Amino acid sequence: MVSDWRWDGGRPSLDLVNTYRDRKTGGRELLATPANLAEWLRLAGYPDAQPGAARLRRRSSCARPSTTASPL
């Protein structure tokens, strides 16, 4: 996955947008999992963001609440 990262945006915000690749052929998101995000943050120079990524991993493994409306 590391070979797919592009660091040519000049700013972290643009490099983050560049994680969505191959737009002309249907698109491919490189940050498809919390682990991908954690790797990107580490390589982008944001090591302090790792605990947040760990929380995302835990949260994504939890059951999602029901989306049906409950009566008042």
PDB file of N, CA and C in Angstrom:
ATOM      1  N   MET A   1       0.825  -1.198   0.000  1.00  0.00           N
ATOM      2  CA  MET A   1       0.000   0.000   0.000  1.00  0.00           C
ATOM      3  C   MET A   1       0.868   1.261   0.000  1.00  0.00           C
ATOM      4  N   VAL A   2       2.025   1.233   0.656  1.00  0.00           N
ATOM      5  CA  VAL A   2       2.866   2.416   0.759  1.00  0.00           C
ATOM      6  C   VAL A   2       3.240   2.945  -0.626  1.00  0.00           C
ATOM      7  N   SER A   3       3.431   2.060  -1.586  1.00  0.00           N
ATOM      8  CA  SER A   3       3.822   2.505  -2.920  1.00  0.00           C
ATOM      9  C   SER A   3       2.719   3.337  -3.592  1.00  0.00           C
ATOM     10  N   ASP A   4       1.478   3.232  -3.127  1.00  0.00           N
ATOM     11  CA  ASP A   4       0.364   3.993  -3.700  1.00  0.00           C
ATOM     12  C   ASP A   4       0.243   5.405  -3.130  1.00  0.00           C
ATOM     13  N   TRP A   5       0.893   5.691  -2.004  1.00  0.00           N
ATOM     14  CA  TRP A   5       0.769   7.019  -1.413  1.00  0.00           C
ATOM     15  C   TRP A   5       1.444   8.042  -2.307  1.00  0.00           C
ATOM     16  N   ARG A   6       0.828   9.206  -2.425  1.00  0.00           N
ATOM     17  CA  ARG A   6       1.399  10.320  -3.181  1.00  0.00           C
ATOM     18  C   ARG A   6       1.603  11.478  -2.218  1.00  0.00           C
ATOM     19  N   TRP A   7       2.794  12.036  -2.256  1.00  0.00           N
ATOM     20  CA  TRP A   7       3.131  13.142  -1.353  1.00  0.00           C
ATOM     21  C   TRP A   7       3.488  14.374  -2.180  1.00  0.00           C
ATOM     22  N   ASP A   8       2.776  14.625  -3.260  1.00  0.00           N
ATOM     23  CA  ASP A   8       3.122  15.712  -4.153  1.00  0.00           C
ATOM     24  C   ASP A   8       2.153  16.891  -4.076  1.00  0.00           C
ATOM     25  N   GLY A   9       1.273  16.899  -3.085  1.00  0.00           N
ATOM     26  CA  GLY A   9       0.303  17.978  -2.965  1.00  0.00           C
ATOM     27  C   GLY A   9       0.882  19.257  -2.398  1.00  0.00           C
ATOM     28  N   GLY A  10       1.999  19.149  -1.677  1.00  0.00           N
ATOM     29  CA  GLY A  10       2.612  20.333  -1.085  1.00  0.00           C
ATOM     30  C   GLY A  10       2.061  20.682   0.288  1.00  0.00           C
ATOM     31  N   ARG A  11       0.922  20.148   0.628  1.00  0.00           N
ATOM     32  CA  ARG A  11       0.291  20.368   1.935  1.00  0.00           C
ATOM     33  C   ARG A  11      -0.392  19.072   2.351  1.00  0.00           C
ATOM     34  N   PRO A  12      -0.425  18.811   3.664  1.00  0.00           N
ATOM     35  CA  PRO A  12      -1.077  17.577   4.123  1.00  0.00           C
ATOM     36  C   PRO A  12      -2.536  17.469   3.672  1.00  0.00           C
ATOM     37  N   SER A  13      -3.249  18.590   3.635  1.00  0.00           N
ATOM     38  CA  SER A  13      -4.660  18.530   3.231  1.00  0.00           C
ATOM     39  C   SER A  13      -4.799  18.059   1.785  1.00  0.00           C
ATOM     40  N   LEU A  14      -3.913  18.495   0.908  1.00  0.00           N
ATOM     41  CA  LEU A  14      -3.965  18.062  -0.486  1.00  0.00           C
ATOM     42  C   LEU A  14      -3.498  16.621  -0.631  1.00  0.00           C
ATOM     43  N   ASP A  15      -2.492  16.238   0.156  1.00  0.00           N
ATOM     44  CA  ASP A  15      -2.044  14.847   0.120  1.00  0.00           C
ATOM     45  C   ASP A  15      -3.151  13.910   0.606  1.00  0.00           C
ATOM     46  N   LEU A  16      -3.943  14.362   1.564  1.00  0.00           N
ATOM     47  CA  LEU A  16      -5.063  13.561   2.038  1.00  0.00           C
ATOM     48  C   LEU A  16      -6.102  13.376   0.922  1.00  0.00           C
ATOM     49  N   VAL A  17      -6.403  14.449   0.210  1.00  0.00           N
ATOM     50  CA  VAL A  17      -7.331  14.351  -0.919  1.00  0.00           C
ATOM     51  C   VAL A  17      -6.777  13.399  -1.972  1.00  0.00           C
ATOM     52  N   ASN A  18      -5.471  13.364  -2.134  1.00  0.00           N
ATOM     53  CA  ASN A  18      -4.844  12.500  -3.134  1.00  0.00           C
ATOM     54  C   ASN A  18      -4.883  11.020  -2.763  1.00  0.00           C
ATOM     55  N   THR A  19      -5.439  10.680  -1.615  1.00  0.00           N
ATOM     56  CA  THR A  19      -5.573   9.263  -1.276  1.00  0.00           C
ATOM     57  C   THR A  19      -6.729   8.621  -2.040  1.00  0.00           C
ATOM     58  N   TYR A  20      -7.527   9.416  -2.711  1.00  0.00           N
ATOM     59  CA  TYR A  20      -8.554   8.885  -3.613  1.00  0.00           C
ATOM     60  C   TYR A  20      -7.938   8.883  -5.005  1.00  0.00           C
ATOM     61  N   ARG A  21      -7.630   7.711  -5.520  1.00  0.00           N
ATOM     62  CA  ARG A  21      -6.879   7.564  -6.760  1.00  0.00           C
ATOM     63  C   ARG A  21      -7.794   7.135  -7.914  1.00  0.00           C
ATOM     64  N   ASP A  22      -7.266   7.225  -9.099  1.00  0.00           N
ATOM     65  CA  ASP A  22      -7.902   6.710 -10.323  1.00  0.00           C
ATOM     66  C   ASP A  22      -9.316   7.254 -10.524  1.00  0.00           C
ATOM     67  N   ARG A  23      -9.481   8.535 -10.332  1.00  0.00           N
ATOM     68  CA  ARG A  23     -10.804   9.154 -10.452  1.00  0.00           C
ATOM     69  C   ARG A  23     -11.432   8.950 -11.834  1.00  0.00           C
ATOM     70  N   LYS A  24     -10.615   8.988 -12.866  1.00  0.00           N
ATOM     71  CA  LYS A  24     -11.137   8.894 -14.235  1.00  0.00           C
ATOM     72  C   LYS A  24     -11.632   7.494 -14.578  1.00  0.00           C
ATOM     73  N   THR A  25     -11.212   6.491 -13.819  1.00  0.00           N
ATOM     74  CA  THR A  25     -11.609   5.112 -14.127  1.00  0.00           C
ATOM     75  C   THR A  25     -12.474   4.506 -13.029  1.00  0.00           C
ATOM     76  N   GLY A  26     -13.220   5.339 -12.318  1.00  0.00           N
ATOM     77  CA  GLY A  26     -14.142   4.827 -11.316  1.00  0.00           C
ATOM     78  C   GLY A  26     -13.724   5.064  -9.884  1.00  0.00           C
ATOM     79  N   GLY A  27     -12.468   5.378  -9.647  1.00  0.00           N
ATOM     80  CA  GLY A  27     -12.007   5.721  -8.317  1.00  0.00           C
ATOM     81  C   GLY A  27     -11.590   4.540  -7.462  1.00  0.00           C
ATOM     82  N   ARG A  28     -10.659   4.825  -6.571  1.00  0.00           N
ATOM     83  CA  ARG A  28     -10.142   3.814  -5.640  1.00  0.00           C
ATOM     84  C   ARG A  28      -9.667   4.553  -4.401  1.00  0.00           C
ATOM     85  N   GLU A  29     -10.298   4.300  -3.263  1.00  0.00           N
ATOM     86  CA  GLU A  29      -9.941   4.952  -1.999  1.00  0.00           C
ATOM     87  C   GLU A  29      -8.837   4.156  -1.320  1.00  0.00           C
ATOM     88  N   LEU A  30      -7.720   4.817  -1.041  1.00  0.00           N
ATOM     89  CA  LEU A  30      -6.603   4.152  -0.378  1.00  0.00           C
ATOM     90  C   LEU A  30      -6.792   4.072   1.129  1.00  0.00           C
ATOM     91  N   LEU A  31      -7.640   4.917   1.683  1.00  0.00           N
ATOM     92  CA  LEU A  31      -7.888   4.907   3.133  1.00  0.00           C
ATOM     93  C   LEU A  31      -9.160   4.122   3.416  1.00  0.00           C
ATOM     94  N   ALA A  32      -9.203   2.889   2.964  1.00  0.00           N
ATOM     95  CA  ALA A  32     -10.408   2.068   3.070  1.00  0.00           C
ATOM     96  C   ALA A  32     -10.614   1.479   4.456  1.00  0.00           C
ATOM     97  N   THR A  33      -9.574   1.439   5.268  1.00  0.00           N
ATOM     98  CA  THR A  33      -9.685   0.858   6.609  1.00  0.00           C
ATOM     99  C   THR A  33      -9.025   1.778   7.616  1.00  0.00           C
ATOM    100  N   PRO A  34      -9.372   1.651   8.887  1.00  0.00           N
ATOM    101  CA  PRO A  34      -8.679   2.436   9.914  1.00  0.00           C
ATOM    102  C   PRO A  34      -7.168   2.180   9.925  1.00  0.00           C
ATOM    103  N   ALA A  35      -6.752   0.969   9.607  1.00  0.00           N
ATOM    104  CA  ALA A  35      -5.317   0.668   9.559  1.00  0.00           C
ATOM    105  C   ALA A  35      -4.638   1.455   8.439  1.00  0.00           C
ATOM    106  N   ASN A  36      -5.329   1.610   7.290  1.00  0.00           N
ATOM    107  CA  ASN A  36      -4.781   2.426   6.206  1.00  0.00           C
ATOM    108  C   ASN A  36      -4.624   3.873   6.652  1.00  0.00           C
ATOM    109  N   LEU A  37      -5.617   4.391   7.348  1.00  0.00           N
ATOM    110  CA  LEU A  37      -5.545   5.761   7.856  1.00  0.00           C
ATOM    111  C   LEU A  37      -4.401   5.909   8.845  1.00  0.00           C
ATOM    112  N   ALA A  38      -4.238   4.965   9.746  1.00  0.00           N
ATOM    113  CA  ALA A  38      -3.153   5.017  10.727  1.00  0.00           C
ATOM    114  C   ALA A  38      -1.798   5.025  10.026  1.00  0.00           C
ATOM    115  N   GLU A  39      -1.649   4.193   9.000  1.00  0.00           N
ATOM    116  CA  GLU A  39      -0.392   4.152   8.247  1.00  0.00           C
ATOM    117  C   GLU A  39      -0.138   5.486   7.556  1.00  0.00           C
ATOM    118  N   TRP A  40      -1.175   6.032   6.914  1.00  0.00           N
ATOM    119  CA  TRP A  40      -1.022   7.307   6.216  1.00  0.00           C
ATOM    120  C   TRP A  40      -0.630   8.415   7.198  1.00  0.00           C
ATOM    121  N   LEU A  41      -1.312   8.480   8.343  1.00  0.00           N
ATOM    122  CA  LEU A  41      -0.998   9.503   9.336  1.00  0.00           C
ATOM    123  C   LEU A  41       0.440   9.386   9.820  1.00  0.00           C
ATOM    124  N   ARG A  42       0.883   8.162  10.070  1.00  0.00           N
ATOM    125  CA  ARG A  42       2.262   7.948  10.541  1.00  0.00           C
ATOM    126  C   ARG A  42       3.256   8.411   9.481  1.00  0.00           C
ATOM    127  N   LEU A  43       3.048   8.011   8.230  1.00  0.00           N
ATOM    128  CA  LEU A  43       3.971   8.374   7.161  1.00  0.00           C
ATOM    129  C   LEU A  43       3.903   9.857   6.809  1.00  0.00           C
ATOM    130  N   ALA A  44       2.749  10.481   7.056  1.00  0.00           N
ATOM    131  CA  ALA A  44       2.602  11.919   6.792  1.00  0.00           C
ATOM    132  C   ALA A  44       3.229  12.764   7.896  1.00  0.00           C
ATOM    133  N   GLY A  45       3.684  12.116   8.969  1.00  0.00           N
ATOM    134  CA  GLY A  45       4.352  12.852  10.040  1.00  0.00           C
ATOM    135  C   GLY A  45       3.446  13.219  11.190  1.00  0.00           C
ATOM    136  N   TYR A  46       2.359  12.504  11.365  1.00  0.00           N
ATOM    137  CA  TYR A  46       1.431  12.748  12.460  1.00  0.00           C
ATOM    138  C   TYR A  46       1.401  11.560  13.422  1.00  0.00           C
ATOM    139  N   PRO A  47       2.512  11.260  14.082  1.00  0.00           N
ATOM    140  CA  PRO A  47       2.525  10.087  14.972  1.00  0.00           C
ATOM    141  C   PRO A  47       1.585  10.231  16.164  1.00  0.00           C
ATOM    142  N   ASP A  48       1.281  11.459  16.586  1.00  0.00           N
ATOM    143  CA  ASP A  48       0.378  11.660  17.721  1.00  0.00           C
ATOM    144  C   ASP A  48      -1.051  11.287  17.384  1.00  0.00           C
ATOM    145  N   ALA A  49      -1.359  11.129  16.116  1.00  0.00           N
ATOM    146  CA  ALA A  49      -2.720  10.769  15.706  1.00  0.00           C
ATOM    147  C   ALA A  49      -2.971   9.277  15.860  1.00  0.00           C
ATOM    148  N   GLN A  50      -1.961   8.500  16.138  1.00  0.00           N
ATOM    149  CA  GLN A  50      -2.126   7.048  16.239  1.00  0.00           C
ATOM    150  C   GLN A  50      -3.153   6.626  17.281  1.00  0.00           C
ATOM    151  N   PRO A  51      -3.193   7.214  18.482  1.00  0.00           N
ATOM    152  CA  PRO A  51      -4.235   6.800  19.432  1.00  0.00           C
ATOM    153  C   PRO A  51      -5.641   7.025  18.891  1.00  0.00           C
ATOM    154  N   GLY A  52      -5.845   8.093  18.142  1.00  0.00           N
ATOM    155  CA  GLY A  52      -7.150   8.338  17.533  1.00  0.00           C
ATOM    156  C   GLY A  52      -7.499   7.258  16.525  1.00  0.00           C
ATOM    157  N   ALA A  53      -6.519   6.821  15.769  1.00  0.00           N
ATOM    158  CA  ALA A  53      -6.756   5.752  14.800  1.00  0.00           C
ATOM    159  C   ALA A  53      -7.094   4.453  15.519  1.00  0.00           C
ATOM    160  N   ALA A  54      -6.470   4.223  16.668  1.00  0.00           N
ATOM    161  CA  ALA A  54      -6.794   3.019  17.443  1.00  0.00           C
ATOM    162  C   ALA A  54      -8.237   3.072  17.924  1.00  0.00           C
ATOM    163  N   ARG A  55      -8.698   4.262  18.319  1.00  0.00           N
ATOM    164  CA  ARG A  55     -10.104   4.405  18.730  1.00  0.00           C
ATOM    165  C   ARG A  55     -11.023   4.115  17.554  1.00  0.00           C
ATOM    166  N   LEU A  56     -10.639   4.578  16.349  1.00  0.00           N
ATOM    167  CA  LEU A  56     -11.450   4.305  15.164  1.00  0.00           C
ATOM    168  C   LEU A  56     -11.535   2.810  14.903  1.00  0.00           C
ATOM    169  N   ARG A  57     -10.423   2.096  15.073  1.00  0.00           N
ATOM    170  CA  ARG A  57     -10.440   0.655  14.857  1.00  0.00           C
ATOM    171  C   ARG A  57     -11.390  -0.018  15.832  1.00  0.00           C
ATOM    172  N   ARG A  58     -11.345   0.393  17.116  1.00  0.00           N
ATOM    173  CA  ARG A  58     -12.238  -0.202  18.108  1.00  0.00           C
ATOM    174  C   ARG A  58     -13.689   0.138  17.785  1.00  0.00           C
ATOM    175  N   ARG A  59     -13.950   1.385  17.430  1.00  0.00           N
ATOM    176  CA  ARG A  59     -15.312   1.823  17.150  1.00  0.00           C
ATOM    177  C   ARG A  59     -15.877   1.109  15.928  1.00  0.00           C
ATOM    178  N   SER A  60     -15.058   0.889  14.901  1.00  0.00           N
ATOM    179  CA  SER A  60     -15.563   0.247  13.690  1.00  0.00           C
ATOM    180  C   SER A  60     -15.891  -1.217  13.920  1.00  0.00           C
ATOM    181  N   SER A  61     -15.343  -1.824  14.973  1.00  0.00           N
ATOM    182  CA  SER A  61     -15.636  -3.226  15.247  1.00  0.00           C
ATOM    183  C   SER A  61     -16.871  -3.398  16.131  1.00  0.00           C
ATOM    184  N   CYS A  62     -17.398  -2.296  16.653  1.00  0.00           N
ATOM    185  CA  CYS A  62     -18.598  -2.362  17.495  1.00  0.00           C
ATOM    186  C   CYS A  62     -19.838  -2.470  16.613  1.00  0.00           C
ATOM    187  N   ALA A  63     -20.877  -3.029  17.190  1.00  0.00           N
ATOM    188  CA  ALA A  63     -22.152  -3.114  16.468  1.00  0.00           C
ATOM    189  C   ALA A  63     -22.713  -1.718  16.277  1.00  0.00           C
ATOM    190  N   ARG A  64     -23.287  -1.492  15.130  1.00  0.00           N
ATOM    191  CA  ARG A  64     -23.887  -0.190  14.837  1.00  0.00           C
ATOM    192  C   ARG A  64     -25.288  -0.140  15.422  1.00  0.00           C
ATOM    193  N   PRO A  65     -25.695   1.029  15.919  1.00  0.00           N
ATOM    194  CA  PRO A  65     -27.058   1.150  16.458  1.00  0.00           C
ATOM    195  C   PRO A  65     -28.089   1.033  15.348  1.00  0.00           C
ATOM    196  N   SER A  66     -29.274   0.686  15.714  1.00  0.00           N
ATOM    197  CA  SER A  66     -30.358   0.557  14.754  1.00  0.00           C
ATOM    198  C   SER A  66     -30.653   1.910  14.126  1.00  0.00           C
ATOM    199  N   THR A  67     -30.949   1.887  12.836  1.00  0.00           N
ATOM    200  CA  THR A  67     -31.271   3.143  12.137  1.00  0.00           C
ATOM    201  C   THR A  67     -32.758   3.407  12.078  1.00  0.00           C
ATOM    202  N   THR A  68     -33.569   2.508  12.640  1.00  0.00           N
ATOM    203  CA  THR A  68     -35.012   2.737  12.627  1.00  0.00           C
ATOM    204  C   THR A  68     -35.366   3.738  13.711  1.00  0.00           C
ATOM    205  N   ALA A  69     -36.339   4.554  13.413  1.00  0.00           N
ATOM    206  CA  ALA A  69     -36.768   5.564  14.390  1.00  0.00           C
ATOM    207  C   ALA A  69     -37.529   4.905  15.533  1.00  0.00           C
ATOM    208  N   SER A  70     -37.267   5.390  16.716  1.00  0.00           N
ATOM    209  CA  SER A  70     -37.982   4.848  17.860  1.00  0.00           C
ATOM    210  C   SER A  70     -39.136   5.803  18.214  1.00  0.00           C
ATOM    211  N   PRO A  71     -40.257   5.261  18.704  1.00  0.00           N
ATOM    212  CA  PRO A  71     -41.370   6.140  19.086  1.00  0.00           C
ATOM    213  C   PRO A  71     -40.990   6.972  20.304  1.00  0.00           C
ATOM    214  N   LEU A  72     -41.532   8.163  20.356  1.00  0.00           N
ATOM    215  CA  LEU A  72     -41.231   9.071  21.482  1.00  0.00           C
ATOM    216  C   LEU A  72     -41.947   8.698  22.721  1.00  0.00           C
TER     217      LEU A  72
END
